[in-house]
Amino acid sequence: MVAEAVPVEIEIHSLRLTGLIWDKKGEAVALLQDGGNFGFILKKGRLFRENYRPVRGVSGSIEDGSVYLTQGKNKVKLTLEEERR
């Protein structure tokens, strides 16, 4: 059961992709963080915050190792970046 969507102030351009994992069914799940290091996951086209609560107004997809997010008219492509030392 998915929790009710809650309003969250988020700007998709502030998110960065921190990892990609695959669930037991082989479906990709993206791990994301905002500028304040708050975590999100993208699974089955929906963005979730803590306790699996969906974020309204944001959708996305995972294709060829990249994440594509849409929020209204805004779109962004996120890729994994190597950690700078």
C-alpha atoms as a PDB file:
ATOM      1  CA  MET A   1       0.000   0.000   0.000  1.00  0.00           C
ATOM      2  CA  VAL A   2       1.345   3.414  -0.968  1.00  0.00           C
ATOM      3  CA  ALA A   3       0.944   6.322   1.445  1.00  0.00           C
ATOM      4  CA  GLU A   4      -1.013   9.382   0.396  1.00  0.00           C
ATOM      5  CA  ALA A   5       0.906  11.954  -1.630  1.00  0.00           C
ATOM      6  CA  VAL A   6       1.996  14.924   0.422  1.00  0.00           C
ATOM      7  CA  PRO A   7       2.898  18.383  -0.823  1.00  0.00           C
ATOM      8  CA  VAL A   8       6.656  18.833  -0.862  1.00  0.00           C
ATOM      9  CA  GLU A   9       8.580  21.861  -2.016  1.00  0.00           C
ATOM     10  CA  ILE A  10      11.105  20.376  -4.383  1.00  0.00           C
ATOM     11  CA  GLU A  11      12.912  21.608  -7.451  1.00  0.00           C
ATOM     12  CA  ILE A  12      13.944  18.746  -9.714  1.00  0.00           C
ATOM     13  CA  HIS A  13      17.001  20.683 -10.889  1.00  0.00           C
ATOM     14  CA  SER A  14      18.368  20.499  -7.319  1.00  0.00           C
ATOM     15  CA  LEU A  15      18.366  16.681  -7.298  1.00  0.00           C
ATOM     16  CA  ARG A  16      21.373  14.533  -8.054  1.00  0.00           C
ATOM     17  CA  LEU A  17      21.497  10.850  -8.854  1.00  0.00           C
ATOM     18  CA  THR A  18      23.486   8.957  -6.217  1.00  0.00           C
ATOM     19  CA  GLY A  19      22.827   5.389  -7.242  1.00  0.00           C
ATOM     20  CA  LEU A  20      20.872   2.826  -9.200  1.00  0.00           C
ATOM     21  CA  ILE A  21      19.738  -0.497  -7.770  1.00  0.00           C
ATOM     22  CA  TRP A  22      17.474  -3.288  -8.981  1.00  0.00           C
ATOM     23  CA  ASP A  23      14.676  -4.836  -6.944  1.00  0.00           C
ATOM     24  CA  LYS A  24      13.867  -8.547  -6.737  1.00  0.00           C
ATOM     25  CA  LYS A  25      11.811  -8.306  -9.926  1.00  0.00           C
ATOM     26  CA  GLY A  26      14.732  -6.763 -11.821  1.00  0.00           C
ATOM     27  CA  GLU A  27      13.166  -3.297 -11.999  1.00  0.00           C
ATOM     28  CA  ALA A  28      15.520  -0.326 -11.691  1.00  0.00           C
ATOM     29  CA  VAL A  29      15.213   2.016  -8.695  1.00  0.00           C
ATOM     30  CA  ALA A  30      17.015   5.372  -8.625  1.00  0.00           C
ATOM     31  CA  LEU A  31      18.463   6.829  -5.430  1.00  0.00           C
ATOM     32  CA  LEU A  32      18.466  10.644  -5.396  1.00  0.00           C
ATOM     33  CA  GLN A  33      19.435  13.453  -3.007  1.00  0.00           C
ATOM     34  CA  ASP A  34      18.584  17.125  -2.893  1.00  0.00           C
ATOM     35  CA  GLY A  35      20.960  19.935  -1.920  1.00  0.00           C
ATOM     36  CA  GLY A  36      20.294  19.294   1.775  1.00  0.00           C
ATOM     37  CA  ASN A  37      21.167  15.598   1.412  1.00  0.00           C
ATOM     38  CA  PHE A  38      17.528  14.568   1.857  1.00  0.00           C
ATOM     39  CA  GLY A  39      16.931  11.245   0.127  1.00  0.00           C
ATOM     40  CA  PHE A  40      14.359  10.277  -2.499  1.00  0.00           C
ATOM     41  CA  ILE A  41      13.738   7.206  -4.633  1.00  0.00           C
ATOM     42  CA  LEU A  42      12.293   6.933  -8.121  1.00  0.00           C
ATOM     43  CA  LYS A  43      10.450   3.693  -8.750  1.00  0.00           C
ATOM     44  CA  LYS A  44       7.905   2.798 -11.431  1.00  0.00           C
ATOM     45  CA  GLY A  45       7.729   6.386 -12.651  1.00  0.00           C
ATOM     46  CA  ARG A  46       6.995   7.951  -9.263  1.00  0.00           C
ATOM     47  CA  LEU A  47       9.220   9.939  -6.913  1.00  0.00           C
ATOM     48  CA  PHE A  48       9.023   9.012  -3.220  1.00  0.00           C
ATOM     49  CA  ARG A  49      10.352  10.579  -0.037  1.00  0.00           C
ATOM     50  CA  GLU A  50      10.686   8.990   3.419  1.00  0.00           C
ATOM     51  CA  ASN A  51       8.245   6.263   4.425  1.00  0.00           C
ATOM     52  CA  TYR A  52       7.454   5.630   0.749  1.00  0.00           C
ATOM     53  CA  ARG A  53       5.369   8.831   0.502  1.00  0.00           C
ATOM     54  CA  PRO A  54       4.909   9.972  -3.116  1.00  0.00           C
ATOM     55  CA  VAL A  55       5.892  13.488  -4.142  1.00  0.00           C
ATOM     56  CA  ARG A  56       3.084  15.189  -6.071  1.00  0.00           C
ATOM     57  CA  GLY A  57       3.757  16.667  -9.464  1.00  0.00           C
ATOM     58  CA  VAL A  58       7.002  14.835 -10.194  1.00  0.00           C
ATOM     59  CA  SER A  59       7.279  11.834 -12.499  1.00  0.00           C
ATOM     60  CA  GLY A  60      10.206  10.143 -14.130  1.00  0.00           C
ATOM     61  CA  SER A  61      11.802   7.212 -15.849  1.00  0.00           C
ATOM     62  CA  ILE A  62      15.060   5.280 -15.763  1.00  0.00           C
ATOM     63  CA  GLU A  63      16.598   4.521 -19.143  1.00  0.00           C
ATOM     64  CA  ASP A  64      20.092   3.308 -20.030  1.00  0.00           C
ATOM     65  CA  GLY A  65      21.565   4.330 -16.670  1.00  0.00           C
ATOM     66  CA  SER A  66      20.084   7.834 -16.740  1.00  0.00           C
ATOM     67  CA  VAL A  67      17.115   9.286 -14.867  1.00  0.00           C
ATOM     68  CA  TYR A  68      14.636  11.586 -16.589  1.00  0.00           C
ATOM     69  CA  LEU A  69      12.423  13.701 -14.299  1.00  0.00           C
ATOM     70  CA  THR A  70       9.465  15.894 -15.208  1.00  0.00           C
ATOM     71  CA  GLN A  71       7.840  18.528 -13.011  1.00  0.00           C
ATOM     72  CA  GLY A  72       5.219  20.532 -14.880  1.00  0.00           C
ATOM     73  CA  LYS A  73       6.995  21.988 -17.927  1.00  0.00           C
ATOM     74  CA  ASN A  74      10.454  21.396 -16.420  1.00  0.00           C
ATOM     75  CA  LYS A  75      12.480  18.368 -17.466  1.00  0.00           C
ATOM     76  CA  VAL A  76      15.902  17.211 -16.348  1.00  0.00           C
ATOM     77  CA  LYS A  77      18.243  14.328 -17.162  1.00  0.00           C
ATOM     78  CA  LEU A  78      20.401  13.007 -14.306  1.00  0.00           C
ATOM     79  CA  THR A  79      23.402  10.719 -14.650  1.00  0.00           C
ATOM     80  CA  LEU A  80      25.767   9.172 -12.147  1.00  0.00           C
ATOM     81  CA  GLU A  81      28.875  11.278 -11.630  1.00  0.00           C
ATOM     82  CA  GLU A  82      32.172   9.991 -10.336  1.00  0.00           C
ATOM     83  CA  GLU A  83      32.966  11.188  -6.844  1.00  0.00           C
ATOM     84  CA  ARG A  84      35.564  13.951  -7.028  1.00  0.00           C
ATOM     85  CA  ARG A  85      38.548  13.508  -4.719  1.00  0.00           C
END
